[in-house]
Amino acid sequence: VQLQASGGGLVQAGGSLRLSCAASGRTSSTYRMGWFRQAPGKEREYVASITWTGGSTSYADSVKGRFTISRDNANNTVYLQMNSLKPEDTAVYYCAARPYSGPFSSWGQGTLVTVSS
């Protein structure tokens, strides 16, 4: 599976952004799509994920109630709607795909989100 993330940018605290992740290739083998992020000087962390067929979602505690993950199967695209953004949300955001067996193993190139205070 090949992944192309987009939608990052600069936003003020309290603002919103929507990230997109377009998938191509063997999407039929994908069980779950996820978003991760890596802030400067920190390790990459899990943000949210969604099953490709059933739409079951999962969120990190730090983004619950502010971020919403969704998918458009017809267009092989996953979205991350980010509201009430905080400076600590500043990071490079990566989308990833997980097959039915195994961990997240396909990664997009990352898109930078910068939240100013």
N, C-alpha and C. Protein backbone atom coordinates (compact mmCIF):
# COMPACT_ATOMS: atom_id res chain seq x y z
N VAL A 1 0.85 -1.19 0.00
CA VAL A 1 0.00 0.00 0.00
C VAL A 1 0.89 1.24 0.00
N GLN A 2 0.58 2.19 -0.89
CA GLN A 2 1.30 3.46 -0.92
C GLN A 2 0.40 4.54 -0.33
N LEU A 3 0.99 5.41 0.47
CA LEU A 3 0.22 6.42 1.18
C LEU A 3 0.78 7.81 0.90
N GLN A 4 -0.12 8.76 0.70
CA GLN A 4 0.26 10.15 0.43
C GLN A 4 -0.52 11.05 1.37
N ALA A 5 0.17 11.65 2.33
CA ALA A 5 -0.47 12.54 3.30
C ALA A 5 -0.39 13.98 2.84
N SER A 6 -1.40 14.75 3.20
CA SER A 6 -1.42 16.18 2.86
C SER A 6 -2.31 16.91 3.85
N GLY A 7 -2.27 18.24 3.79
CA GLY A 7 -3.17 19.05 4.59
C GLY A 7 -2.54 19.78 5.75
N GLY A 8 -1.26 19.55 6.01
CA GLY A 8 -0.61 20.23 7.12
C GLY A 8 -0.44 21.71 6.84
N GLY A 9 -0.05 22.45 7.87
CA GLY A 9 0.16 23.88 7.70
C GLY A 9 0.32 24.56 9.04
N LEU A 10 0.27 25.89 8.99
CA LEU A 10 0.40 26.71 10.19
C LEU A 10 -0.97 27.22 10.60
N VAL A 11 -1.30 27.05 11.87
CA VAL A 11 -2.59 27.48 12.38
C VAL A 11 -2.41 28.03 13.80
N GLN A 12 -3.26 28.95 14.17
CA GLN A 12 -3.20 29.48 15.53
C GLN A 12 -3.86 28.52 16.51
N ALA A 13 -3.47 28.61 17.75
CA ALA A 13 -4.08 27.79 18.80
C ALA A 13 -5.58 28.02 18.80
N GLY A 14 -6.32 26.93 18.94
CA GLY A 14 -7.77 26.99 18.89
C GLY A 14 -8.35 26.77 17.50
N GLY A 15 -7.49 26.78 16.50
CA GLY A 15 -7.93 26.61 15.12
C GLY A 15 -8.09 25.15 14.74
N SER A 16 -8.37 24.95 13.44
CA SER A 16 -8.64 23.60 12.93
C SER A 16 -7.86 23.35 11.65
N LEU A 17 -7.57 22.08 11.42
CA LEU A 17 -6.98 21.62 10.17
C LEU A 17 -7.56 20.25 9.86
N ARG A 18 -7.58 19.90 8.59
CA ARG A 18 -7.97 18.54 8.20
C ARG A 18 -6.85 17.93 7.36
N LEU A 19 -6.34 16.82 7.84
CA LEU A 19 -5.32 16.07 7.11
C LEU A 19 -5.99 15.00 6.26
N SER A 20 -5.38 14.72 5.13
CA SER A 20 -5.87 13.67 4.24
C SER A 20 -4.75 12.67 3.97
N CYS A 21 -5.14 11.42 3.77
CA CYS A 21 -4.18 10.38 3.43
C CYS A 21 -4.79 9.54 2.32
N ALA A 22 -4.22 9.66 1.13
CA ALA A 22 -4.70 8.91 -0.02
C ALA A 22 -3.93 7.61 -0.14
N ALA A 23 -4.65 6.51 -0.21
CA ALA A 23 -4.03 5.19 -0.31
C ALA A 23 -4.18 4.63 -1.71
N SER A 24 -3.15 3.92 -2.16
CA SER A 24 -3.20 3.26 -3.46
C SER A 24 -2.49 1.92 -3.35
N GLY A 25 -2.70 1.07 -4.33
CA GLY A 25 -2.11 -0.26 -4.30
C GLY A 25 -3.06 -1.26 -3.68
N ARG A 26 -2.54 -2.19 -2.88
CA ARG A 26 -3.32 -3.31 -2.33
C ARG A 26 -4.11 -2.88 -1.10
N THR A 27 -5.06 -1.99 -1.28
CA THR A 27 -5.86 -1.54 -0.14
C THR A 27 -6.77 -2.64 0.37
N SER A 28 -7.04 -3.67 -0.44
CA SER A 28 -7.91 -4.77 0.00
C SER A 28 -7.27 -5.55 1.14
N SER A 29 -5.95 -5.45 1.29
CA SER A 29 -5.26 -6.16 2.37
C SER A 29 -5.14 -5.32 3.63
N THR A 30 -5.72 -4.13 3.62
CA THR A 30 -5.60 -3.22 4.76
C THR A 30 -6.69 -3.46 5.78
N TYR A 31 -6.29 -3.64 7.02
CA TYR A 31 -7.24 -3.82 8.13
C TYR A 31 -7.55 -2.49 8.81
N ARG A 32 -6.52 -1.74 9.04
CA ARG A 32 -6.70 -0.51 9.82
C ARG A 32 -5.77 0.57 9.27
N MET A 33 -6.27 1.82 9.27
CA MET A 33 -5.46 2.98 8.90
C MET A 33 -5.28 3.84 10.14
N GLY A 34 -4.10 4.42 10.26
CA GLY A 34 -3.84 5.21 11.45
C GLY A 34 -3.08 6.49 11.16
N TRP A 35 -3.13 7.38 12.15
CA TRP A 35 -2.31 8.58 12.14
C TRP A 35 -1.38 8.54 13.35
N PHE A 36 -0.16 8.90 13.11
CA PHE A 36 0.85 9.03 14.16
C PHE A 36 1.47 10.41 14.02
N ARG A 37 2.18 10.85 15.05
CA ARG A 37 2.86 12.13 14.95
C ARG A 37 4.20 12.08 15.69
N GLN A 38 5.10 12.94 15.24
CA GLN A 38 6.40 13.04 15.88
C GLN A 38 6.77 14.50 16.03
N ALA A 39 6.86 14.93 17.29
CA ALA A 39 7.25 16.30 17.60
C ALA A 39 8.78 16.39 17.64
N PRO A 40 9.33 17.59 17.46
CA PRO A 40 10.79 17.74 17.50
C PRO A 40 11.38 17.21 18.79
N GLY A 41 12.37 16.34 18.68
CA GLY A 41 13.05 15.81 19.84
C GLY A 41 12.30 14.73 20.59
N LYS A 42 11.17 14.29 20.04
CA LYS A 42 10.36 13.27 20.72
C LYS A 42 10.18 12.06 19.82
N GLU A 43 9.75 10.97 20.44
CA GLU A 43 9.49 9.76 19.68
C GLU A 43 8.12 9.87 18.98
N ARG A 44 7.97 9.09 17.93
CA ARG A 44 6.69 9.06 17.24
C ARG A 44 5.63 8.46 18.15
N GLU A 45 4.43 9.04 18.15
CA GLU A 45 3.36 8.56 19.01
C GLU A 45 2.08 8.35 18.21
N TYR A 46 1.28 7.45 18.71
CA TYR A 46 -0.01 7.11 18.12
C TYR A 46 -1.00 8.24 18.35
N VAL A 47 -1.81 8.53 17.33
CA VAL A 47 -2.83 9.57 17.44
C VAL A 47 -4.23 8.96 17.35
N ALA A 48 -4.50 8.26 16.26
CA ALA A 48 -5.84 7.71 16.04
C ALA A 48 -5.78 6.66 14.95
N SER A 49 -6.80 5.79 14.91
CA SER A 49 -6.88 4.81 13.84
C SER A 49 -8.32 4.43 13.58
N ILE A 50 -8.54 3.80 12.43
CA ILE A 50 -9.88 3.41 12.02
C ILE A 50 -9.79 2.14 11.20
N THR A 51 -10.72 1.22 11.40
CA THR A 51 -10.73 0.02 10.56
C THR A 51 -11.22 0.40 9.16
N TRP A 52 -10.64 -0.24 8.17
CA TRP A 52 -10.91 0.14 6.80
C TRP A 52 -12.34 -0.21 6.38
N THR A 53 -12.89 -1.29 6.89
CA THR A 53 -14.22 -1.70 6.47
C THR A 53 -15.30 -1.30 7.47
N GLY A 54 -15.15 -1.64 8.73
CA GLY A 54 -16.20 -1.37 9.69
C GLY A 54 -16.24 0.04 10.24
N GLY A 55 -15.14 0.78 10.14
CA GLY A 55 -15.14 2.14 10.63
C GLY A 55 -14.98 2.28 12.13
N SER A 56 -14.53 1.23 12.80
CA SER A 56 -14.30 1.32 14.24
C SER A 56 -13.08 2.21 14.51
N THR A 57 -13.22 3.15 15.46
CA THR A 57 -12.17 4.13 15.69
C THR A 57 -11.52 3.98 17.06
N SER A 58 -10.32 4.53 17.15
CA SER A 58 -9.56 4.53 18.40
C SER A 58 -8.75 5.82 18.45
N TYR A 59 -8.61 6.40 19.66
CA TYR A 59 -7.90 7.66 19.80
C TYR A 59 -6.95 7.63 20.98
N ALA A 60 -5.87 8.39 20.87
CA ALA A 60 -5.02 8.63 22.03
C ALA A 60 -5.76 9.56 22.97
N ASP A 61 -5.52 9.41 24.26
CA ASP A 61 -6.21 10.25 25.24
C ASP A 61 -5.95 11.74 24.99
N SER A 62 -4.79 12.07 24.49
CA SER A 62 -4.42 13.47 24.31
C SER A 62 -5.23 14.18 23.23
N VAL A 63 -5.90 13.42 22.37
CA VAL A 63 -6.65 14.05 21.28
C VAL A 63 -8.15 13.73 21.33
N LYS A 64 -8.56 12.90 22.26
CA LYS A 64 -9.99 12.55 22.36
C LYS A 64 -10.84 13.78 22.54
N GLY A 65 -11.92 13.84 21.79
CA GLY A 65 -12.83 14.98 21.88
C GLY A 65 -12.42 16.15 21.01
N ARG A 66 -11.21 16.13 20.47
CA ARG A 66 -10.74 17.22 19.62
C ARG A 66 -10.49 16.76 18.18
N PHE A 67 -10.01 15.54 18.02
CA PHE A 67 -9.69 15.01 16.69
C PHE A 67 -10.72 13.96 16.31
N THR A 68 -11.00 13.88 15.01
CA THR A 68 -11.91 12.87 14.48
C THR A 68 -11.29 12.23 13.25
N ILE A 69 -11.20 10.91 13.27
CA ILE A 69 -10.69 10.18 12.11
C ILE A 69 -11.87 9.61 11.34
N SER A 70 -11.78 9.65 10.03
CA SER A 70 -12.85 9.11 9.19
C SER A 70 -12.23 8.57 7.91
N ARG A 71 -13.05 7.82 7.15
CA ARG A 71 -12.52 7.28 5.90
C ARG A 71 -13.56 7.35 4.81
N ASP A 72 -13.08 7.44 3.58
CA ASP A 72 -13.91 7.44 2.39
C ASP A 72 -13.42 6.27 1.54
N ASN A 73 -14.10 5.14 1.67
CA ASN A 73 -13.63 3.94 0.99
C ASN A 73 -13.68 4.08 -0.53
N ALA A 74 -14.66 4.81 -1.02
CA ALA A 74 -14.80 4.97 -2.47
C ALA A 74 -13.58 5.66 -3.07
N ASN A 75 -12.97 6.56 -2.28
CA ASN A 75 -11.81 7.30 -2.77
C ASN A 75 -10.52 6.87 -2.09
N ASN A 76 -10.58 5.77 -1.32
CA ASN A 76 -9.38 5.25 -0.65
C ASN A 76 -8.64 6.33 0.13
N THR A 77 -9.38 7.11 0.89
CA THR A 77 -8.80 8.23 1.61
C THR A 77 -9.23 8.20 3.07
N VAL A 78 -8.29 8.51 3.94
CA VAL A 78 -8.56 8.64 5.37
C VAL A 78 -8.29 10.08 5.77
N TYR A 79 -9.13 10.61 6.65
CA TYR A 79 -9.02 11.99 7.07
C TYR A 79 -8.77 12.07 8.58
N LEU A 80 -8.14 13.15 8.98
CA LEU A 80 -8.02 13.46 10.40
C LEU A 80 -8.43 14.91 10.58
N GLN A 81 -9.63 15.10 11.12
CA GLN A 81 -10.12 16.44 11.41
C GLN A 81 -9.61 16.83 12.78
N MET A 82 -8.88 17.92 12.85
CA MET A 82 -8.25 18.35 14.10
C MET A 82 -8.84 19.71 14.48
N ASN A 83 -9.54 19.73 15.61
CA ASN A 83 -10.14 20.96 16.12
C ASN A 83 -9.50 21.33 17.45
N SER A 84 -9.72 22.57 17.86
CA SER A 84 -9.18 23.07 19.14
C SER A 84 -7.70 22.75 19.27
N LEU A 85 -6.97 23.06 18.23
CA LEU A 85 -5.54 22.71 18.21
C LEU A 85 -4.76 23.48 19.27
N LYS A 86 -3.76 22.80 19.82
CA LYS A 86 -2.91 23.36 20.86
C LYS A 86 -1.46 23.39 20.36
N PRO A 87 -0.64 24.25 20.92
CA PRO A 87 0.78 24.27 20.51
C PRO A 87 1.45 22.91 20.65
N GLU A 88 1.03 22.13 21.64
CA GLU A 88 1.63 20.81 21.82
C GLU A 88 1.21 19.80 20.76
N ASP A 89 0.29 20.18 19.89
CA ASP A 89 -0.06 19.32 18.75
C ASP A 89 0.91 19.50 17.59
N THR A 90 1.82 20.45 17.71
CA THR A 90 2.81 20.69 16.66
C THR A 90 3.66 19.44 16.46
N ALA A 91 3.71 18.96 15.23
CA ALA A 91 4.45 17.73 14.92
C ALA A 91 4.36 17.45 13.43
N VAL A 92 5.16 16.50 12.99
CA VAL A 92 4.97 15.92 11.67
C VAL A 92 3.99 14.77 11.83
N TYR A 93 2.94 14.79 11.05
CA TYR A 93 1.90 13.77 11.13
C TYR A 93 2.07 12.77 9.99
N TYR A 94 2.03 11.50 10.35
CA TYR A 94 2.20 10.42 9.39
C TYR A 94 0.95 9.55 9.35
N CYS A 95 0.55 9.17 8.16
CA CYS A 95 -0.49 8.15 8.08
C CYS A 95 0.17 6.79 7.84
N ALA A 96 -0.50 5.75 8.26
CA ALA A 96 0.05 4.42 8.18
C ALA A 96 -1.06 3.41 7.95
N ALA A 97 -0.68 2.29 7.36
CA ALA A 97 -1.63 1.21 7.09
C ALA A 97 -1.17 -0.07 7.78
N ARG A 98 -2.14 -0.78 8.33
CA ARG A 98 -1.84 -2.04 9.00
C ARG A 98 -2.58 -3.16 8.29
N PRO A 99 -1.89 -4.25 7.94
CA PRO A 99 -2.58 -5.38 7.33
C PRO A 99 -3.35 -6.19 8.37
N TYR A 100 -4.09 -7.21 7.91
CA TYR A 100 -4.87 -8.04 8.82
C TYR A 100 -3.99 -8.77 9.83
N SER A 101 -2.77 -9.09 9.45
CA SER A 101 -1.86 -9.70 10.41
C SER A 101 -0.58 -8.88 10.43
N GLY A 102 -0.22 -8.39 11.59
CA GLY A 102 1.00 -7.61 11.70
C GLY A 102 0.76 -6.18 12.13
N PRO A 103 1.85 -5.45 12.36
CA PRO A 103 1.73 -4.07 12.82
C PRO A 103 1.55 -3.10 11.66
N PHE A 104 1.45 -1.81 11.97
CA PHE A 104 1.45 -0.78 10.94
C PHE A 104 2.78 -0.89 10.19
N SER A 105 2.71 -1.08 8.88
CA SER A 105 3.93 -1.37 8.13
C SER A 105 4.10 -0.53 6.87
N SER A 106 3.06 0.17 6.45
CA SER A 106 3.18 1.08 5.30
C SER A 106 2.99 2.49 5.83
N TRP A 107 3.91 3.38 5.43
CA TRP A 107 3.91 4.74 5.99
C TRP A 107 3.93 5.77 4.88
N GLY A 108 3.20 6.86 5.09
CA GLY A 108 3.26 7.99 4.19
C GLY A 108 4.46 8.86 4.53
N GLN A 109 4.62 9.94 3.79
CA GLN A 109 5.82 10.75 3.91
C GLN A 109 5.76 11.78 5.03
N GLY A 110 4.61 12.00 5.61
CA GLY A 110 4.49 12.97 6.70
C GLY A 110 4.08 14.34 6.21
N THR A 111 3.30 15.03 7.03
CA THR A 111 2.90 16.40 6.73
C THR A 111 3.02 17.21 8.02
N LEU A 112 3.62 18.40 7.93
CA LEU A 112 3.94 19.18 9.11
C LEU A 112 2.76 20.04 9.56
N VAL A 113 2.43 19.93 10.83
CA VAL A 113 1.41 20.76 11.45
C VAL A 113 2.09 21.63 12.51
N THR A 114 1.93 22.94 12.39
CA THR A 114 2.51 23.87 13.34
C THR A 114 1.40 24.71 13.95
N VAL A 115 1.29 24.66 15.27
CA VAL A 115 0.26 25.41 15.98
C VAL A 115 0.94 26.51 16.78
N SER A 116 0.63 27.74 16.46
CA SER A 116 1.24 28.87 17.16
C SER A 116 0.38 29.32 18.34
N SER A 117 1.04 29.81 19.36
CA SER A 117 0.30 30.24 20.57
C SER A 117 -0.08 31.71 20.50
